[in-house]
N, C-alpha and C. Protein backbone atom coordinates (compact mmCIF):
# COMPACT_ATOMS: atom_id res chain seq x y z
N GLU A 1 0.82 -1.20 0.00
CA GLU A 1 0.00 0.00 0.00
C GLU A 1 0.86 1.26 0.00
N LYS A 2 1.96 1.22 0.74
CA LYS A 2 2.84 2.39 0.78
C LYS A 2 3.46 2.63 -0.60
N ALA A 3 3.86 1.56 -1.27
CA ALA A 3 4.43 1.69 -2.62
C ALA A 3 3.39 2.27 -3.56
N LYS A 4 2.17 1.83 -3.45
CA LYS A 4 1.07 2.35 -4.29
C LYS A 4 0.91 3.85 -4.05
N ASN A 5 0.91 4.27 -2.81
CA ASN A 5 0.77 5.69 -2.49
C ASN A 5 1.94 6.51 -3.00
N MET A 6 3.14 5.93 -2.93
CA MET A 6 4.31 6.63 -3.45
C MET A 6 4.17 6.86 -4.95
N LEU A 7 3.69 5.86 -5.66
CA LEU A 7 3.51 6.00 -7.10
C LEU A 7 2.41 6.99 -7.43
N LEU A 8 1.33 6.95 -6.67
CA LEU A 8 0.23 7.88 -6.90
C LEU A 8 0.63 9.33 -6.64
N SER A 9 1.61 9.54 -5.78
CA SER A 9 2.04 10.89 -5.48
C SER A 9 2.73 11.55 -6.67
N GLY A 10 3.27 10.71 -7.56
CA GLY A 10 3.97 11.24 -8.72
C GLY A 10 5.38 11.71 -8.43
N ALA A 11 5.82 11.56 -7.21
CA ALA A 11 7.14 12.05 -6.81
C ALA A 11 8.24 11.02 -7.01
N TYR A 12 7.88 9.78 -7.28
CA TYR A 12 8.86 8.70 -7.38
C TYR A 12 8.72 7.93 -8.68
N LYS A 13 9.85 7.47 -9.19
CA LYS A 13 9.86 6.56 -10.32
C LYS A 13 9.66 5.15 -9.79
N ILE A 14 9.23 4.26 -10.66
CA ILE A 14 9.00 2.88 -10.25
C ILE A 14 10.28 2.26 -9.71
N THR A 15 11.40 2.54 -10.33
CA THR A 15 12.67 1.98 -9.84
C THR A 15 12.99 2.48 -8.43
N GLU A 16 12.66 3.72 -8.13
CA GLU A 16 12.89 4.26 -6.78
C GLU A 16 11.99 3.59 -5.76
N VAL A 17 10.74 3.39 -6.13
CA VAL A 17 9.79 2.73 -5.22
C VAL A 17 10.23 1.28 -4.99
N ALA A 18 10.67 0.63 -6.04
CA ALA A 18 11.15 -0.75 -5.90
C ALA A 18 12.31 -0.82 -4.92
N GLU A 19 13.26 0.09 -5.08
CA GLU A 19 14.43 0.10 -4.19
C GLU A 19 14.02 0.39 -2.75
N LYS A 20 13.15 1.37 -2.56
CA LYS A 20 12.70 1.72 -1.21
C LYS A 20 11.86 0.61 -0.58
N SER A 21 11.30 -0.25 -1.42
CA SER A 21 10.50 -1.38 -0.94
C SER A 21 11.35 -2.61 -0.67
N GLY A 22 12.65 -2.50 -0.95
CA GLY A 22 13.55 -3.61 -0.65
C GLY A 22 13.86 -4.53 -1.82
N TYR A 23 13.45 -4.15 -3.01
CA TYR A 23 13.72 -4.98 -4.18
C TYR A 23 15.00 -4.52 -4.86
N LYS A 24 15.83 -5.49 -5.22
CA LYS A 24 17.07 -5.19 -5.92
C LYS A 24 16.79 -4.91 -7.39
N HIS A 25 15.79 -5.58 -7.93
CA HIS A 25 15.43 -5.44 -9.33
C HIS A 25 13.99 -4.95 -9.46
N ALA A 26 13.80 -3.92 -10.26
CA ALA A 26 12.46 -3.35 -10.44
C ALA A 26 11.50 -4.36 -11.07
N THR A 27 12.02 -5.28 -11.87
CA THR A 27 11.14 -6.28 -12.49
C THR A 27 10.50 -7.19 -11.43
N HIS A 28 11.26 -7.50 -10.38
CA HIS A 28 10.70 -8.33 -9.30
C HIS A 28 9.63 -7.55 -8.55
N PHE A 29 9.87 -6.27 -8.32
CA PHE A 29 8.87 -5.42 -7.68
C PHE A 29 7.61 -5.36 -8.52
N THR A 30 7.78 -5.16 -9.83
CA THR A 30 6.63 -5.07 -10.73
C THR A 30 5.80 -6.35 -10.70
N SER A 31 6.47 -7.49 -10.69
CA SER A 31 5.76 -8.78 -10.63
C SER A 31 4.98 -8.93 -9.33
N ALA A 32 5.62 -8.58 -8.21
CA ALA A 32 4.96 -8.69 -6.90
C ALA A 32 3.79 -7.70 -6.80
N PHE A 33 3.99 -6.50 -7.33
CA PHE A 33 2.94 -5.48 -7.30
C PHE A 33 1.73 -5.97 -8.08
N LYS A 34 1.96 -6.51 -9.28
CA LYS A 34 0.85 -6.99 -10.10
C LYS A 34 0.14 -8.16 -9.43
N LYS A 35 0.90 -9.04 -8.81
CA LYS A 35 0.30 -10.20 -8.13
C LYS A 35 -0.59 -9.73 -6.98
N TYR A 36 -0.16 -8.70 -6.26
CA TYR A 36 -0.90 -8.21 -5.10
C TYR A 36 -2.12 -7.37 -5.50
N PHE A 37 -1.90 -6.41 -6.41
CA PHE A 37 -2.97 -5.47 -6.77
C PHE A 37 -3.77 -5.87 -8.00
N GLY A 38 -3.19 -6.69 -8.86
CA GLY A 38 -3.90 -7.11 -10.07
C GLY A 38 -3.67 -6.21 -11.27
N TYR A 39 -2.78 -5.25 -11.14
CA TYR A 39 -2.43 -4.37 -12.25
C TYR A 39 -0.99 -3.91 -12.08
N LEU A 40 -0.40 -3.45 -13.17
CA LEU A 40 0.99 -3.04 -13.16
C LEU A 40 1.17 -1.67 -12.49
N PRO A 41 2.29 -1.45 -11.85
CA PRO A 41 2.54 -0.14 -11.23
C PRO A 41 2.56 0.99 -12.27
N GLN A 42 2.92 0.70 -13.50
CA GLN A 42 2.94 1.71 -14.56
C GLN A 42 1.56 2.33 -14.77
N SER A 43 0.51 1.55 -14.53
CA SER A 43 -0.84 2.08 -14.72
C SER A 43 -1.12 3.21 -13.73
N LEU A 44 -0.53 3.17 -12.54
CA LEU A 44 -0.70 4.26 -11.58
C LEU A 44 0.03 5.51 -12.04
N LYS A 45 1.18 5.33 -12.65
CA LYS A 45 1.92 6.48 -13.18
C LYS A 45 1.10 7.14 -14.29
N SER A 46 0.41 6.33 -15.08
CA SER A 46 -0.42 6.87 -16.15
C SER A 46 -1.61 7.63 -15.57
N ILE A 47 -2.21 7.11 -14.53
CA ILE A 47 -3.33 7.78 -13.87
C ILE A 47 -2.87 9.11 -13.30
N TRP A 48 -1.70 9.12 -12.68
CA TRP A 48 -1.17 10.36 -12.11
C TRP A 48 -0.94 11.39 -13.22
N ALA A 49 -0.35 10.97 -14.33
CA ALA A 49 -0.07 11.88 -15.44
C ALA A 49 -1.37 12.43 -16.01
N LEU A 50 -2.38 11.60 -16.13
CA LEU A 50 -3.68 12.04 -16.64
C LEU A 50 -4.29 13.06 -15.69
N GLY A 51 -4.23 12.81 -14.40
CA GLY A 51 -4.77 13.74 -13.41
C GLY A 51 -4.04 15.07 -13.44
N PHE A 52 -2.73 15.03 -13.60
CA PHE A 52 -1.93 16.24 -13.69
C PHE A 52 -2.31 17.04 -14.92
N SER A 53 -2.47 16.34 -16.03
CA SER A 53 -2.86 16.98 -17.29
C SER A 53 -4.23 17.64 -17.16
N MET A 54 -5.16 16.96 -16.52
CA MET A 54 -6.51 17.50 -16.34
C MET A 54 -6.47 18.72 -15.42
N ALA A 55 -5.64 18.68 -14.40
CA ALA A 55 -5.53 19.81 -13.48
C ALA A 55 -5.01 21.04 -14.21
N LEU A 56 -4.07 20.84 -15.12
CA LEU A 56 -3.57 21.97 -15.90
C LEU A 56 -4.66 22.57 -16.78
N ARG A 57 -5.49 21.72 -17.36
CA ARG A 57 -6.58 22.19 -18.20
C ARG A 57 -7.59 22.99 -17.39
N VAL A 58 -7.90 22.53 -16.19
CA VAL A 58 -8.83 23.25 -15.32
C VAL A 58 -8.26 24.62 -14.97
N GLU A 59 -6.97 24.66 -14.69
CA GLU A 59 -6.31 25.93 -14.37
C GLU A 59 -6.37 26.88 -15.57
N GLU A 60 -6.15 26.35 -16.77
CA GLU A 60 -6.23 27.16 -17.98
C GLU A 60 -7.64 27.72 -18.16
N LEU A 61 -8.65 26.88 -17.95
CA LEU A 61 -10.04 27.33 -18.08
C LEU A 61 -10.37 28.41 -17.06
N ALA A 62 -9.86 28.26 -15.85
CA ALA A 62 -10.11 29.26 -14.81
C ALA A 62 -9.49 30.60 -15.20
N THR A 63 -8.32 30.55 -15.78
CA THR A 63 -7.64 31.76 -16.22
C THR A 63 -8.44 32.45 -17.33
N LEU A 64 -8.97 31.68 -18.25
CA LEU A 64 -9.75 32.23 -19.34
C LEU A 64 -11.04 32.89 -18.85
N SER A 65 -11.66 32.32 -17.86
CA SER A 65 -12.92 32.86 -17.39
C SER A 65 -12.72 34.13 -16.56
N LEU A 66 -11.49 34.37 -16.09
CA LEU A 66 -11.22 35.58 -15.32
C LEU A 66 -11.02 36.80 -16.20
N THR A 67 -10.72 36.60 -17.47
CA THR A 67 -10.45 37.72 -18.36
C THR A 67 -11.69 38.19 -19.09
């Protein structure tokens, strides 16, 4: 769960989370993550990127409505 939260924060790369979780190889972390959660850790990075992109669009729209 902590690794999942680290990935969702967008502050860490998968290799960093793997290392902080005690894995020597990111591929082993990825396999364990998928076995536990049922999806790859990369999918969380994609969700974070999509959320970040949407937040930028909302900010742009807010700026437009102020003018």
